[in-house]
Every structure is written in structure tokens, then in C-alpha cells.
Amino acid sequence: MILGFGPVLLWPSGTDDLLGSEKWGAGPTGLLLKQTGGWTYGLLFNHIWSYAGDGHRAYVSNTFLQPFISYTTKTKTTFG
């Protein structure tokens, strides 16, 4: 089992008002990963809270969850 933790950052980089939140944000991120018998599976997750930015834009409080699974054959072909 592999565990990883660290920060996630959000910065207002949208090229158009409709493409970004115009907010700065930060929060925790993590990874749970297991590899066994050719299988790799786990979950990548984070949560972001805004702390600065355009006062006329909505507050940001977003959670991201990405489960993943893949299988690598004995001939080194990977399916995911």
C-alpha cells in the first residue's frame, strides 16, 4: 500500500471569466495506491477552499475524487 499526502493549489489562470473562478485557493490532497499481481488500483483525492480573489465571484469549496484501476500483462501491455 502506498500513501501520499500534500498540498493542492488553485490560482486564477482562466483566460476568460467563464473559464475560471477568479479565486486563489488551497487544500489537502492525497493518494491511496495498491499494486499486486499485475493490478494497480487506488484513489486520488483533494479538496480546495478559496481564500482570496474577486469578491464578486462565488466562494470555492470543491472536492475531487478520481478512482483508478489498471492491469499489466506478462508481456507488459497495460489496460486501464
PDB file of N, CA and C in Angstrom:
ATOM      1  N   MET A   1       0.853  -1.183   0.000  1.00  0.00           N
ATOM      2  CA  MET A   1       0.000   0.000   0.000  1.00  0.00           C
ATOM      3  C   MET A   1       0.889   1.233   0.000  1.00  0.00           C
ATOM      4  N   ILE A   2       0.586   2.165  -0.859  1.00  0.00           N
ATOM      5  CA  ILE A   2       1.314   3.431  -0.934  1.00  0.00           C
ATOM      6  C   ILE A   2       0.354   4.546  -0.537  1.00  0.00           C
ATOM      7  N   LEU A   3       0.780   5.391   0.384  1.00  0.00           N
ATOM      8  CA  LEU A   3       0.006   6.556   0.821  1.00  0.00           C
ATOM      9  C   LEU A   3       0.808   7.807   0.514  1.00  0.00           C
ATOM     10  N   GLY A   4       0.154   8.825   0.016  1.00  0.00           N
ATOM     11  CA  GLY A   4       0.815  10.092  -0.247  1.00  0.00           C
ATOM     12  C   GLY A   4      -0.090  11.244   0.143  1.00  0.00           C
ATOM     13  N   PHE A   5       0.488  12.292   0.713  1.00  0.00           N
ATOM     14  CA  PHE A   5      -0.269  13.475   1.112  1.00  0.00           C
ATOM     15  C   PHE A   5       0.530  14.723   0.779  1.00  0.00           C
ATOM     16  N   GLY A   6      -0.164  15.807   0.502  1.00  0.00           N
ATOM     17  CA  GLY A   6       0.494  17.066   0.200  1.00  0.00           C
ATOM     18  C   GLY A   6      -0.518  18.161  -0.046  1.00  0.00           C
ATOM     19  N   PRO A   7      -0.068  19.297  -0.572  1.00  0.00           N
ATOM     20  CA  PRO A   7      -0.977  20.412  -0.837  1.00  0.00           C
ATOM     21  C   PRO A   7      -1.492  20.391  -2.277  1.00  0.00           C
ATOM     22  N   VAL A   8      -2.629  21.021  -2.472  1.00  0.00           N
ATOM     23  CA  VAL A   8      -3.138  21.328  -3.807  1.00  0.00           C
ATOM     24  C   VAL A   8      -3.392  22.828  -3.829  1.00  0.00           C
ATOM     25  N   LEU A   9      -3.065  23.464  -4.951  1.00  0.00           N
ATOM     26  CA  LEU A   9      -3.205  24.918  -5.067  1.00  0.00           C
ATOM     27  C   LEU A   9      -4.087  25.281  -6.255  1.00  0.00           C
ATOM     28  N   LEU A  10      -4.829  26.358  -6.121  1.00  0.00           N
ATOM     29  CA  LEU A  10      -5.680  26.901  -7.179  1.00  0.00           C
ATOM     30  C   LEU A  10      -5.278  28.353  -7.383  1.00  0.00           C
ATOM     31  N   TRP A  11      -5.009  28.728  -8.616  1.00  0.00           N
ATOM     32  CA  TRP A  11      -4.715  30.134  -8.899  1.00  0.00           C
ATOM     33  C   TRP A  11      -5.580  30.585 -10.067  1.00  0.00           C
ATOM     34  N   PRO A  12      -5.942  31.853 -10.116  1.00  0.00           N
ATOM     35  CA  PRO A  12      -6.860  32.372 -11.136  1.00  0.00           C
ATOM     36  C   PRO A  12      -6.175  32.506 -12.493  1.00  0.00           C
ATOM     37  N   SER A  13      -6.177  31.431 -13.267  1.00  0.00           N
ATOM     38  CA  SER A  13      -5.465  31.435 -14.549  1.00  0.00           C
ATOM     39  C   SER A  13      -6.388  31.344 -15.752  1.00  0.00           C
ATOM     40  N   GLY A  14      -7.705  31.447 -15.557  1.00  0.00           N
ATOM     41  CA  GLY A  14      -8.633  31.369 -16.681  1.00  0.00           C
ATOM     42  C   GLY A  14      -8.411  32.507 -17.668  1.00  0.00           C
ATOM     43  N   THR A  15      -8.462  32.193 -18.960  1.00  0.00           N
ATOM     44  CA  THR A  15      -8.267  33.210 -19.992  1.00  0.00           C
ATOM     45  C   THR A  15      -9.542  33.985 -20.296  1.00  0.00           C
ATOM     46  N   ASP A  16     -10.648  33.552 -19.699  1.00  0.00           N
ATOM     47  CA  ASP A  16     -11.945  34.204 -19.884  1.00  0.00           C
ATOM     48  C   ASP A  16     -12.697  34.066 -18.563  1.00  0.00           C
ATOM     49  N   ASP A  17     -13.546  35.039 -18.230  1.00  0.00           N
ATOM     50  CA  ASP A  17     -14.303  34.982 -16.975  1.00  0.00           C
ATOM     51  C   ASP A  17     -15.149  33.715 -16.846  1.00  0.00           C
ATOM     52  N   LEU A  18     -15.596  33.160 -17.965  1.00  0.00           N
ATOM     53  CA  LEU A  18     -16.414  31.955 -17.921  1.00  0.00           C
ATOM     54  C   LEU A  18     -15.587  30.687 -17.697  1.00  0.00           C
ATOM     55  N   LEU A  19     -14.269  30.775 -17.821  1.00  0.00           N
ATOM     56  CA  LEU A  19     -13.412  29.593 -17.735  1.00  0.00           C
ATOM     57  C   LEU A  19     -12.712  29.422 -16.391  1.00  0.00           C
ATOM     58  N   GLY A  20     -12.907  30.326 -15.476  1.00  0.00           N
ATOM     59  CA  GLY A  20     -12.217  30.221 -14.195  1.00  0.00           C
ATOM     60  C   GLY A  20     -13.024  30.831 -13.073  1.00  0.00           C
ATOM     61  N   SER A  21     -12.587  30.583 -11.857  1.00  0.00           N
ATOM     62  CA  SER A  21     -13.292  31.089 -10.679  1.00  0.00           C
ATOM     63  C   SER A  21     -12.812  32.475 -10.268  1.00  0.00           C
ATOM     64  N   GLU A  22     -11.655  32.922 -10.802  1.00  0.00           N
ATOM     65  CA  GLU A  22     -11.037  34.192 -10.403  1.00  0.00           C
ATOM     66  C   GLU A  22     -10.735  34.207  -8.905  1.00  0.00           C
ATOM     67  N   LYS A  23     -10.469  33.039  -8.331  1.00  0.00           N
ATOM     68  CA  LYS A  23     -10.166  32.895  -6.907  1.00  0.00           C
ATOM     69  C   LYS A  23      -8.830  32.184  -6.720  1.00  0.00           C
ATOM     70  N   TRP A  24      -8.164  32.492  -5.616  1.00  0.00           N
ATOM     71  CA  TRP A  24      -6.995  31.754  -5.156  1.00  0.00           C
ATOM     72  C   TRP A  24      -7.497  30.734  -4.147  1.00  0.00           C
ATOM     73  N   GLY A  25      -6.927  29.537  -4.147  1.00  0.00           N
ATOM     74  CA  GLY A  25      -7.374  28.518  -3.214  1.00  0.00           C
ATOM     75  C   GLY A  25      -6.277  27.528  -2.867  1.00  0.00           C
ATOM     76  N   ALA A  26      -6.528  26.765  -1.811  1.00  0.00           N
ATOM     77  CA  ALA A  26      -5.576  25.752  -1.367  1.00  0.00           C
ATOM     78  C   ALA A  26      -6.315  24.706  -0.552  1.00  0.00           C
ATOM     79  N   GLY A  27      -5.667  23.558  -0.384  1.00  0.00           N
ATOM     80  CA  GLY A  27      -6.242  22.500   0.426  1.00  0.00           C
ATOM     81  C   GLY A  27      -5.363  21.267   0.420  1.00  0.00           C
ATOM     82  N   PRO A  28      -5.842  20.192   1.044  1.00  0.00           N
ATOM     83  CA  PRO A  28      -5.072  18.953   1.116  1.00  0.00           C
ATOM     84  C   PRO A  28      -5.331  18.067  -0.101  1.00  0.00           C
ATOM     85  N   THR A  29      -4.350  17.249  -0.444  1.00  0.00           N
ATOM     86  CA  THR A  29      -4.508  16.240  -1.487  1.00  0.00           C
ATOM     87  C   THR A  29      -3.907  14.934  -0.984  1.00  0.00           C
ATOM     88  N   GLY A  30      -4.385  13.829  -1.521  1.00  0.00           N
ATOM     89  CA  GLY A  30      -3.874  12.538  -1.078  1.00  0.00           C
ATOM     90  C   GLY A  30      -3.996  11.472  -2.143  1.00  0.00           C
ATOM     91  N   LEU A  31      -3.283  10.384  -1.916  1.00  0.00           N
ATOM     92  CA  LEU A  31      -3.269   9.254  -2.828  1.00  0.00           C
ATOM     93  C   LEU A  31      -3.227   7.972  -2.018  1.00  0.00           C
ATOM     94  N   LEU A  32      -4.092   7.030  -2.365  1.00  0.00           N
ATOM     95  CA  LEU A  32      -4.060   5.665  -1.847  1.00  0.00           C
ATOM     96  C   LEU A  32      -3.850   4.770  -3.050  1.00  0.00           C
ATOM     97  N   LEU A  33      -2.816   3.913  -3.019  1.00  0.00           N
ATOM     98  CA  LEU A  33      -2.485   3.102  -4.181  1.00  0.00           C
ATOM     99  C   LEU A  33      -2.044   1.716  -3.715  1.00  0.00           C
ATOM    100  N   LYS A  34      -2.499   0.689  -4.424  1.00  0.00           N
ATOM    101  CA  LYS A  34      -2.115  -0.697  -4.127  1.00  0.00           C
ATOM    102  C   LYS A  34      -1.709  -1.371  -5.425  1.00  0.00           C
ATOM    103  N   GLN A  35      -0.604  -2.111  -5.399  1.00  0.00           N
ATOM    104  CA  GLN A  35      -0.148  -2.879  -6.553  1.00  0.00           C
ATOM    105  C   GLN A  35       0.034  -4.330  -6.120  1.00  0.00           C
ATOM    106  N   THR A  36      -0.594  -5.250  -6.872  1.00  0.00           N
ATOM    107  CA  THR A  36      -0.479  -6.657  -6.566  1.00  0.00           C
ATOM    108  C   THR A  36      -0.834  -7.498  -7.785  1.00  0.00           C
ATOM    109  N   GLY A  37       0.012  -8.443  -8.132  1.00  0.00           N
ATOM    110  CA  GLY A  37      -0.270  -9.391  -9.205  1.00  0.00           C
ATOM    111  C   GLY A  37      -0.616  -8.765 -10.546  1.00  0.00           C
ATOM    112  N   GLY A  38       0.046  -7.705 -10.940  1.00  0.00           N
ATOM    113  CA  GLY A  38      -0.249  -7.036 -12.203  1.00  0.00           C
ATOM    114  C   GLY A  38      -1.306  -5.954 -12.102  1.00  0.00           C
ATOM    115  N   TRP A  39      -2.024  -5.900 -11.013  1.00  0.00           N
ATOM    116  CA  TRP A  39      -3.081  -4.896 -10.805  1.00  0.00           C
ATOM    117  C   TRP A  39      -2.524  -3.680 -10.076  1.00  0.00           C
ATOM    118  N   THR A  40      -2.966  -2.504 -10.500  1.00  0.00           N
ATOM    119  CA  THR A  40      -2.713  -1.245  -9.799  1.00  0.00           C
ATOM    120  C   THR A  40      -4.061  -0.564  -9.637  1.00  0.00           C
ATOM    121  N   TYR A  41      -4.409  -0.211  -8.413  1.00  0.00           N
ATOM    122  CA  TYR A  41      -5.695   0.441  -8.183  1.00  0.00           C
ATOM    123  C   TYR A  41      -5.595   1.378  -6.988  1.00  0.00           C
ATOM    124  N   GLY A  42      -6.494   2.347  -6.956  1.00  0.00           N
ATOM    125  CA  GLY A  42      -6.468   3.287  -5.853  1.00  0.00           C
ATOM    126  C   GLY A  42      -7.371   4.479  -6.072  1.00  0.00           C
ATOM    127  N   LEU A  43      -7.065   5.538  -5.331  1.00  0.00           N
ATOM    128  CA  LEU A  43      -7.883   6.745  -5.331  1.00  0.00           C
ATOM    129  C   LEU A  43      -6.989   7.966  -5.168  1.00  0.00           C
ATOM    130  N   LEU A  44      -7.189   8.947  -6.030  1.00  0.00           N
ATOM    131  CA  LEU A  44      -6.560  10.257  -5.914  1.00  0.00           C
ATOM    132  C   LEU A  44      -7.657  11.224  -5.469  1.00  0.00           C
ATOM    133  N   PHE A  45      -7.375  12.049  -4.471  1.00  0.00           N
ATOM    134  CA  PHE A  45      -8.417  12.945  -3.960  1.00  0.00           C
ATOM    135  C   PHE A  45      -7.810  14.259  -3.488  1.00  0.00           C
ATOM    136  N   ASN A  46      -8.641  15.314  -3.523  1.00  0.00           N
ATOM    137  CA  ASN A  46      -8.253  16.592  -2.921  1.00  0.00           C
ATOM    138  C   ASN A  46      -9.490  17.432  -2.639  1.00  0.00           C
ATOM    139  N   HIS A  47      -9.281  18.476  -1.862  1.00  0.00           N
ATOM    140  CA  HIS A  47     -10.343  19.448  -1.583  1.00  0.00           C
ATOM    141  C   HIS A  47      -9.711  20.835  -1.589  1.00  0.00           C
ATOM    142  N   ILE A  48     -10.387  21.779  -2.236  1.00  0.00           N
ATOM    143  CA  ILE A  48      -9.882  23.152  -2.357  1.00  0.00           C
ATOM    144  C   ILE A  48     -10.896  24.127  -1.766  1.00  0.00           C
ATOM    145  N   TRP A  49     -10.391  25.030  -0.928  1.00  0.00           N
ATOM    146  CA  TRP A  49     -11.179  26.156  -0.415  1.00  0.00           C
ATOM    147  C   TRP A  49     -10.539  27.442  -0.921  1.00  0.00           C
ATOM    148  N   SER A  50     -11.353  28.391  -1.374  1.00  0.00           N
ATOM    149  CA  SER A  50     -10.783  29.674  -1.808  1.00  0.00           C
ATOM    150  C   SER A  50     -10.486  30.535  -0.582  1.00  0.00           C
ATOM    151  N   TYR A  51      -9.461  31.384  -0.716  1.00  0.00           N
ATOM    152  CA  TYR A  51      -9.101  32.265   0.389  1.00  0.00           C
ATOM    153  C   TYR A  51      -8.884  33.713  -0.066  1.00  0.00           C
ATOM    154  N   ALA A  52      -8.888  33.960  -1.365  1.00  0.00           N
ATOM    155  CA  ALA A  52      -8.706  35.327  -1.877  1.00  0.00           C
ATOM    156  C   ALA A  52      -9.181  35.353  -3.326  1.00  0.00           C
ATOM    157  N   GLY A  53      -9.302  36.539  -3.868  1.00  0.00           N
ATOM    158  CA  GLY A  53      -9.678  36.689  -5.265  1.00  0.00           C
ATOM    159  C   GLY A  53     -10.823  37.667  -5.443  1.00  0.00           C
ATOM    160  N   ASP A  54     -11.436  37.614  -6.606  1.00  0.00           N
ATOM    161  CA  ASP A  54     -12.529  38.516  -6.967  1.00  0.00           C
ATOM    162  C   ASP A  54     -13.685  38.378  -5.978  1.00  0.00           C
ATOM    163  N   GLY A  55     -13.974  39.447  -5.256  1.00  0.00           N
ATOM    164  CA  GLY A  55     -15.029  39.439  -4.252  1.00  0.00           C
ATOM    165  C   GLY A  55     -16.431  39.280  -4.810  1.00  0.00           C
ATOM    166  N   HIS A  56     -16.597  39.509  -6.106  1.00  0.00           N
ATOM    167  CA  HIS A  56     -17.906  39.366  -6.733  1.00  0.00           C
ATOM    168  C   HIS A  56     -18.172  37.946  -7.230  1.00  0.00           C
ATOM    169  N   ARG A  57     -17.176  37.068  -7.131  1.00  0.00           N
ATOM    170  CA  ARG A  57     -17.320  35.681  -7.590  1.00  0.00           C
ATOM    171  C   ARG A  57     -17.651  34.776  -6.415  1.00  0.00           C
ATOM    172  N   ALA A  58     -18.278  33.639  -6.710  1.00  0.00           N
ATOM    173  CA  ALA A  58     -18.697  32.692  -5.677  1.00  0.00           C
ATOM    174  C   ALA A  58     -17.488  32.074  -4.966  1.00  0.00           C
ATOM    175  N   TYR A  59     -17.665  31.781  -3.680  1.00  0.00           N
ATOM    176  CA  TYR A  59     -16.675  31.098  -2.865  1.00  0.00           C
ATOM    177  C   TYR A  59     -16.436  29.700  -3.436  1.00  0.00           C
ATOM    178  N   VAL A  60     -15.215  29.222  -3.424  1.00  0.00           N
ATOM    179  CA  VAL A  60     -14.875  27.896  -3.944  1.00  0.00           C
ATOM    180  C   VAL A  60     -14.716  26.916  -2.790  1.00  0.00           C
ATOM    181  N   SER A  61     -15.396  25.786  -2.871  1.00  0.00           N
ATOM    182  CA  SER A  61     -15.250  24.668  -1.946  1.00  0.00           C
ATOM    183  C   SER A  61     -15.516  23.410  -2.767  1.00  0.00           C
ATOM    184  N   ASN A  62     -14.450  22.857  -3.376  1.00  0.00           N
ATOM    185  CA  ASN A  62     -14.586  21.746  -4.324  1.00  0.00           C
ATOM    186  C   ASN A  62     -13.842  20.511  -3.863  1.00  0.00           C
ATOM    187  N   THR A  63     -14.481  19.355  -4.031  1.00  0.00           N
ATOM    188  CA  THR A  63     -13.856  18.070  -3.764  1.00  0.00           C
ATOM    189  C   THR A  63     -13.648  17.344  -5.082  1.00  0.00           C
ATOM    190  N   PHE A  64     -12.479  16.720  -5.239  1.00  0.00           N
ATOM    191  CA  PHE A  64     -12.132  15.949  -6.428  1.00  0.00           C
ATOM    192  C   PHE A  64     -11.800  14.530  -5.980  1.00  0.00           C
ATOM    193  N   LEU A  65     -12.466  13.535  -6.569  1.00  0.00           N
ATOM    194  CA  LEU A  65     -12.198  12.128  -6.300  1.00  0.00           C
ATOM    195  C   LEU A  65     -11.978  11.422  -7.626  1.00  0.00           C
ATOM    196  N   GLN A  66     -10.850  10.732  -7.777  1.00  0.00           N
ATOM    197  CA  GLN A  66     -10.584  10.006  -9.015  1.00  0.00           C
ATOM    198  C   GLN A  66     -10.115   8.590  -8.693  1.00  0.00           C
ATOM    199  N   PRO A  67     -11.039   7.621  -8.765  1.00  0.00           N
ATOM    200  CA  PRO A  67     -10.608   6.235  -8.613  1.00  0.00           C
ATOM    201  C   PRO A  67      -9.920   5.773  -9.892  1.00  0.00           C
ATOM    202  N   PHE A  68      -8.993   4.835  -9.768  1.00  0.00           N
ATOM    203  CA  PHE A  68      -8.311   4.315 -10.949  1.00  0.00           C
ATOM    204  C   PHE A  68      -7.995   2.838 -10.757  1.00  0.00           C
ATOM    205  N   ILE A  69      -7.903   2.131 -11.896  1.00  0.00           N
ATOM    206  CA  ILE A  69      -7.536   0.724 -11.893  1.00  0.00           C
ATOM    207  C   ILE A  69      -6.877   0.396 -13.225  1.00  0.00           C
ATOM    208  N   SER A  70      -5.844  -0.417 -13.188  1.00  0.00           N
ATOM    209  CA  SER A  70      -5.196  -0.870 -14.414  1.00  0.00           C
ATOM    210  C   SER A  70      -4.613  -2.263 -14.185  1.00  0.00           C
ATOM    211  N   TYR A  71      -4.402  -2.969 -15.291  1.00  0.00           N
ATOM    212  CA  TYR A  71      -3.800  -4.299 -15.244  1.00  0.00           C
ATOM    213  C   TYR A  71      -2.667  -4.372 -16.255  1.00  0.00           C
ATOM    214  N   THR A  72      -1.525  -4.857 -15.844  1.00  0.00           N
ATOM    215  CA  THR A  72      -0.372  -5.027 -16.727  1.00  0.00           C
ATOM    216  C   THR A  72      -0.143  -6.516 -16.942  1.00  0.00           C
ATOM    217  N   THR A  73      -0.148  -6.933 -18.217  1.00  0.00           N
ATOM    218  CA  THR A  73       0.038  -8.350 -18.553  1.00  0.00           C
ATOM    219  C   THR A  73       1.515  -8.731 -18.449  1.00  0.00           C
ATOM    220  N   LYS A  74       1.776 -10.037 -18.579  1.00  0.00           N
ATOM    221  CA  LYS A  74       3.161 -10.532 -18.518  1.00  0.00           C
ATOM    222  C   LYS A  74       3.997 -10.046 -19.714  1.00  0.00           C
ATOM    223  N   THR A  75       3.332  -9.644 -20.808  1.00  0.00           N
ATOM    224  CA  THR A  75       4.055  -9.096 -21.967  1.00  0.00           C
ATOM    225  C   THR A  75       4.172  -7.573 -21.883  1.00  0.00           C
ATOM    226  N   LYS A  76       3.851  -7.003 -20.731  1.00  0.00           N
ATOM    227  CA  LYS A  76       3.998  -5.566 -20.426  1.00  0.00           C
ATOM    228  C   LYS A  76       2.986  -4.671 -21.149  1.00  0.00           C
ATOM    229  N   THR A  77       1.838  -5.224 -21.514  1.00  0.00           N
ATOM    230  CA  THR A  77       0.745  -4.424 -22.060  1.00  0.00           C
ATOM    231  C   THR A  77      -0.139  -4.005 -20.886  1.00  0.00           C
ATOM    232  N   THR A  78      -0.502  -2.744 -20.815  1.00  0.00           N
ATOM    233  CA  THR A  78      -1.307  -2.235 -19.707  1.00  0.00           C
ATOM    234  C   THR A  78      -2.689  -1.828 -20.189  1.00  0.00           C
ATOM    235  N   PHE A  79      -3.700  -2.266 -19.458  1.00  0.00           N
ATOM    236  CA  PHE A  79      -5.097  -1.879 -19.688  1.00  0.00           C
ATOM    237  C   PHE A  79      -5.563  -1.094 -18.490  1.00  0.00           C
ATOM    238  N   GLY A  80      -6.180   0.060 -18.732  1.00  0.00           N
ATOM    239  CA  GLY A  80      -6.614   0.890 -17.599  1.00  0.00           C
ATOM    240  C   GLY A  80      -7.959   1.510 -17.841  1.00  0.00           C
TER     241      GLY A  80
END
